Protein backbone atom coordinates (compact mmCIF):
# COMPACT_ATOMS: atom_id res chain seq x y z
CA MET A 1 61.20 -51.73 28.46
CA GLU A 2 60.92 -48.43 26.58
CA VAL A 3 63.35 -47.48 23.82
CA LYS A 4 64.77 -44.64 25.89
CA GLU A 5 65.51 -47.03 28.75
CA LEU A 6 67.20 -49.45 26.34
CA ILE A 7 69.38 -46.64 25.00
CA PHE A 8 70.38 -45.59 28.52
CA LYS A 9 71.23 -49.18 29.37
CA GLU A 10 73.38 -49.57 26.24
CA ILE A 11 75.17 -46.27 26.81
CA GLU A 12 76.34 -47.51 30.20
CA ASN A 13 78.43 -50.09 28.34
CA VAL A 14 79.85 -47.81 25.64
CA PRO A 15 83.54 -46.97 25.99
CA GLU A 16 84.23 -43.32 26.77
CA PRO A 17 85.82 -42.43 23.39
CA TYR A 18 82.60 -43.36 21.57
CA LEU A 19 80.34 -41.22 23.72
CA MET A 20 81.27 -38.04 21.84
CA GLU A 21 80.34 -39.74 18.57
CA ILE A 22 76.97 -40.70 20.01
CA LEU A 23 76.43 -37.13 21.18
CA ASP A 24 77.36 -35.82 17.72
CA PHE A 25 74.87 -38.20 16.12
CA ILE A 26 72.08 -37.13 18.46
CA ARG A 27 72.78 -33.48 17.61
CA PHE A 28 72.84 -34.36 13.90
CA LEU A 29 69.38 -35.91 14.21
CA GLU A 30 68.07 -32.86 16.09
CA ASN A 31 69.37 -30.54 13.37
CA LYS A 32 67.91 -32.74 10.66
CA VAL A 33 64.44 -32.49 12.22
CA LEU A 34 64.81 -28.73 12.60
CA GLU A 35 65.86 -28.35 8.96
CA GLN A 36 62.87 -30.41 7.80
CA LYS A 37 60.52 -28.20 9.81
CA MET A 38 62.08 -25.07 8.33
CA GLU A 39 61.78 -26.44 4.79
CA LEU A 40 58.12 -27.22 5.39
CA ALA A 41 57.46 -23.75 6.80
CA LEU A 42 59.15 -22.09 3.81
CA ALA A 43 57.24 -24.25 1.35
CA SER A 44 53.96 -23.45 3.10
CA GLU A 45 54.73 -19.73 3.10
CA ALA A 46 55.45 -19.74 -0.63
CA SER A 47 52.31 -21.69 -1.39
CA LEU A 48 50.02 -19.65 0.85
CA GLY A 49 51.69 -16.38 -0.14
CA LYS A 50 50.02 -16.58 -3.55
CA ASP A 51 46.63 -16.20 -1.88
CA TRP A 52 47.75 -13.78 0.84
CA LEU A 53 49.00 -11.22 -1.67
CA LYS A 54 45.73 -10.91 -3.60
CA PRO A 55 43.80 -7.60 -3.37
CA ASP A 56 40.70 -9.52 -2.27
CA GLU A 57 42.60 -10.68 0.79
CA ASP A 58 43.40 -7.08 1.78
CA LYS A 59 39.71 -6.17 1.50
CA ALA A 60 38.72 -9.07 3.70
CA TRP A 61 41.06 -7.88 6.47
CA GLU A 62 40.21 -4.15 6.32
CA ALA A 63 37.35 -4.42 8.79
CA LEU A 64 39.39 -6.22 11.43
């Protein structure tokens, strides 16, 4: 049985008041992943920006 199926099966037995907490946790995890992706993108931009801003880089792109 796949993990997703196990989760669905377990949720069937969870009392109603706890379902909102589960939903909040799922959303927390989604936001956490999104934040990690944004941090990585910003770090990459800063690192690559050093090379992108060189005059040689502008010359290389002039012909395109």
